[in-house]
């Protein structure tokens, strides 16, 4: 395997892991970044190494206790109801309303490998940047870029913007 291909695989793995951690908890990446910074400042103390191990084992800043409760072990918000079914900050009602209005989207939106986020200008710009950084995603998700360009234009119109970068890599819900 060539060094370039291997390097691309490592980048993809890191990106996928970050996306997964972000889905598990919206503060996971900032908590990990802060913990790594603390670890460097303390000279990799046993305490911070233990927290880093706990973070890796739990794939984020929330652990399951012996009483089967999900508790944060880093300074982050606790878990929210529906966290495994709906994106952070989303509620059941708007998603169910969207699915009722668009029943043909149900399988796609509820697919285990779908990422569902609001079609906000910030999310759309971030998704566009992700596609630009990892063009292979267009191959893995044929037709998604075109579908999300429409969401981007609608969001720009609603916000009174004249242009906005196309969105990629997520299924988007409009308000």
Protein backbone atom coordinates (compact mmCIF):
# COMPACT_ATOMS: atom_id res chain seq x y z
CA UNK A 1 0.00 0.00 0.00
CA UNK A 2 1.44 3.37 -0.96
CA UNK A 3 2.31 5.92 1.71
CA UNK A 4 -0.10 8.44 0.15
CA UNK A 5 -3.00 5.99 0.24
CA UNK A 6 -2.20 5.02 3.82
CA UNK A 7 -2.08 8.68 4.82
CA UNK A 8 -5.49 9.25 3.17
CA UNK A 9 -6.92 6.29 5.09
CA UNK A 10 -5.64 7.70 8.40
CA UNK A 11 -7.16 11.11 7.62
CA UNK A 12 -10.49 9.47 6.80
CA UNK A 13 -10.39 7.44 10.03
CA UNK A 14 -9.69 10.56 12.14
CA UNK A 15 -12.46 12.48 10.38
CA UNK A 16 -14.95 9.62 10.86
CA UNK A 17 -14.02 9.28 14.54
CA UNK A 18 -14.48 13.02 15.12
CA UNK A 19 -17.87 12.95 13.38
CA UNK A 20 -18.94 9.95 15.48
CA UNK A 21 -17.82 11.62 18.72
CA UNK A 22 -19.59 14.84 17.76
CA UNK A 23 -22.81 12.86 17.13
CA UNK A 24 -22.52 11.22 20.54
CA UNK A 25 -22.14 14.57 22.32
CA UNK A 26 -22.00 18.11 20.89
CA UNK A 27 -19.22 19.12 23.31
CA UNK A 28 -17.10 15.99 22.79
CA UNK A 29 -14.51 17.54 20.47
CA UNK A 30 -13.96 20.66 22.57
CA UNK A 31 -13.78 18.52 25.73
CA UNK A 32 -11.17 16.25 24.11
CA UNK A 33 -9.18 19.27 22.90
CA UNK A 34 -9.25 20.82 26.40
CA UNK A 35 -8.25 17.51 27.99
CA UNK A 36 -5.31 17.07 25.60
CA UNK A 37 -4.19 20.63 26.38
CA UNK A 38 -4.42 19.94 30.12
CA UNK A 39 -2.46 16.71 29.63
CA UNK A 40 0.37 18.61 27.93
CA UNK A 41 0.40 21.32 30.60
CA UNK A 42 0.58 18.77 33.41
CA UNK A 43 3.29 16.68 31.74
CA UNK A 44 0.97 13.76 31.03
CA UNK A 45 0.02 13.21 34.65
CA UNK A 46 -1.57 9.93 35.67
CA UNK A 47 -4.88 11.71 36.29
CA UNK A 48 -5.11 13.19 32.79
CA UNK A 49 -3.91 9.94 31.19
CA UNK A 50 -6.69 8.13 33.05
CA UNK A 51 -9.25 10.65 31.78
CA UNK A 52 -7.92 10.27 28.22
CA UNK A 53 -8.27 6.49 28.52
CA UNK A 54 -11.81 6.88 29.85
CA UNK A 55 -12.62 9.23 26.96
CA UNK A 56 -11.31 6.70 24.40
CA UNK A 57 -13.12 3.77 26.02
CA UNK A 58 -16.44 5.66 26.08
CA UNK A 59 -15.86 7.39 22.74
CA UNK A 60 -16.68 10.72 24.33
CA UNK A 61 -17.03 12.58 27.65
CA UNK A 62 -19.97 10.55 29.02
CA UNK A 63 -19.52 7.19 30.77
CA UNK A 64 -21.99 4.54 31.87
CA UNK A 65 -21.91 3.98 35.63
CA UNK A 66 -22.34 0.66 37.42
CA UNK A 67 -25.97 1.73 38.00
CA UNK A 68 -26.35 1.94 34.19
CA UNK A 69 -26.65 5.73 34.23
CA UNK A 70 -24.94 7.96 31.65
CA UNK A 71 -22.85 10.55 33.53
CA UNK A 72 -20.34 13.12 32.25
CA UNK A 73 -16.79 12.73 33.60
CA UNK A 74 -15.59 15.95 31.96
CA UNK A 75 -17.18 19.41 32.29
CA UNK A 76 -19.88 19.01 29.62
CA UNK A 77 -23.68 19.04 29.60
CA UNK A 78 -25.39 15.78 30.53
CA UNK A 79 -27.22 13.61 28.04
CA UNK A 80 -30.57 14.70 26.62
CA UNK A 81 -33.66 12.56 26.03
CA UNK A 82 -33.73 11.08 22.54
CA UNK A 83 -29.98 11.52 22.00
CA UNK A 84 -29.62 8.25 20.11
CA UNK A 85 -32.64 8.90 17.89
CA UNK A 86 -32.45 12.62 17.19
CA UNK A 87 -29.58 15.06 16.73
CA UNK A 88 -28.49 17.12 19.75
CA UNK A 89 -30.80 20.05 20.27
CA UNK A 90 -33.49 18.58 18.02
CA UNK A 91 -36.87 17.55 19.26
CA UNK A 92 -39.13 14.76 18.13
CA UNK A 93 -41.98 17.00 16.95
CA UNK A 94 -40.17 18.92 14.14
CA UNK A 95 -38.56 15.75 12.82
CA UNK A 96 -41.82 13.81 12.89
CA UNK A 97 -43.53 16.76 11.20
CA UNK A 98 -40.88 16.75 8.45
CA UNK A 99 -41.23 12.98 7.98
CA UNK A 100 -45.03 13.28 7.80
CA UNK A 101 -44.73 15.96 5.11
CA UNK A 102 -42.03 13.98 3.25
CA UNK A 103 -42.70 10.25 3.78
CA UNK A 104 -40.35 9.37 0.90
CA UNK A 105 -37.45 10.71 3.03
CA UNK A 106 -38.19 8.53 6.09
CA UNK A 107 -35.78 5.67 5.26
CA UNK A 108 -33.01 8.07 4.31
CA UNK A 109 -33.39 10.36 7.33
CA UNK A 110 -33.69 7.49 9.82
CA UNK A 111 -30.88 5.43 8.28
CA UNK A 112 -28.20 4.48 10.82
CA UNK A 113 -25.53 6.13 8.67
CA UNK A 114 -27.41 9.41 8.13
CA UNK A 115 -26.38 12.61 9.82
CA UNK A 116 -29.35 14.89 10.43
CA UNK A 117 -28.87 18.57 11.19
CA UNK A 118 -30.80 21.79 10.73
CA UNK A 119 -30.20 23.57 7.44
CA UNK A 120 -28.67 26.66 9.02
CA UNK A 121 -26.19 28.82 7.10
CA UNK A 122 -23.42 27.81 9.53
CA UNK A 123 -24.13 24.07 9.13
CA UNK A 124 -24.33 24.44 5.35
CA UNK A 125 -20.98 26.28 5.19
CA UNK A 126 -19.36 23.66 7.44
CA UNK A 127 -20.72 20.83 5.30
CA UNK A 128 -19.47 22.52 2.14
CA UNK A 129 -16.01 22.82 3.65
CA UNK A 130 -16.09 19.13 4.59
CA UNK A 131 -16.92 18.10 1.04
CA UNK A 132 -14.17 20.37 -0.30
CA UNK A 133 -11.69 18.77 2.07
CA UNK A 134 -12.82 15.19 1.35
CA UNK A 135 -14.07 15.01 -2.27
CA UNK A 136 -14.42 11.22 -2.01
CA UNK A 137 -17.63 11.86 -0.04
CA UNK A 138 -19.35 12.85 -3.30
CA UNK A 139 -18.56 9.38 -4.63
CA UNK A 140 -19.77 7.68 -1.46
CA UNK A 141 -23.02 9.69 -1.46
CA UNK A 142 -24.05 10.16 -5.11
CA UNK A 143 -26.64 12.86 -5.65
CA UNK A 144 -26.31 14.27 -2.14
CA UNK A 145 -24.36 17.35 -3.21
CA UNK A 146 -27.06 18.39 -5.67
CA UNK A 147 -29.81 17.73 -3.15
CA UNK A 148 -28.09 19.83 -0.52
CA UNK A 149 -27.28 22.67 -2.91
CA UNK A 150 -31.03 23.18 -3.04
CA UNK A 151 -31.17 23.35 0.77
CA UNK A 152 -28.34 25.88 0.70
CA UNK A 153 -30.14 28.11 -1.78
CA UNK A 154 -33.39 27.88 0.21
CA UNK A 155 -31.56 28.79 3.43
CA UNK A 156 -29.88 31.71 1.69
CA UNK A 157 -33.23 32.93 0.37
CA UNK A 158 -34.86 32.68 3.82
CA UNK A 159 -31.93 34.58 5.37
CA UNK A 160 -32.06 37.25 2.64
CA UNK A 161 -28.60 36.29 1.37
CA UNK A 162 -27.62 36.58 -2.25
CA UNK A 163 -25.30 33.58 -2.24
CA UNK A 164 -24.19 30.77 0.00
CA UNK A 165 -21.81 27.87 -0.50
CA UNK A 166 -23.47 24.52 -1.29
CA UNK A 167 -23.98 22.16 1.60
CA UNK A 168 -22.79 18.57 1.72
CA UNK A 169 -22.46 15.48 3.85
CA UNK A 170 -25.68 15.80 5.88
CA UNK A 171 -29.35 15.23 5.55
CA UNK A 172 -30.88 18.60 6.41
CA UNK A 173 -34.18 19.50 7.93
CA UNK A 174 -35.74 22.83 7.10
CA UNK A 175 -37.72 24.71 9.71
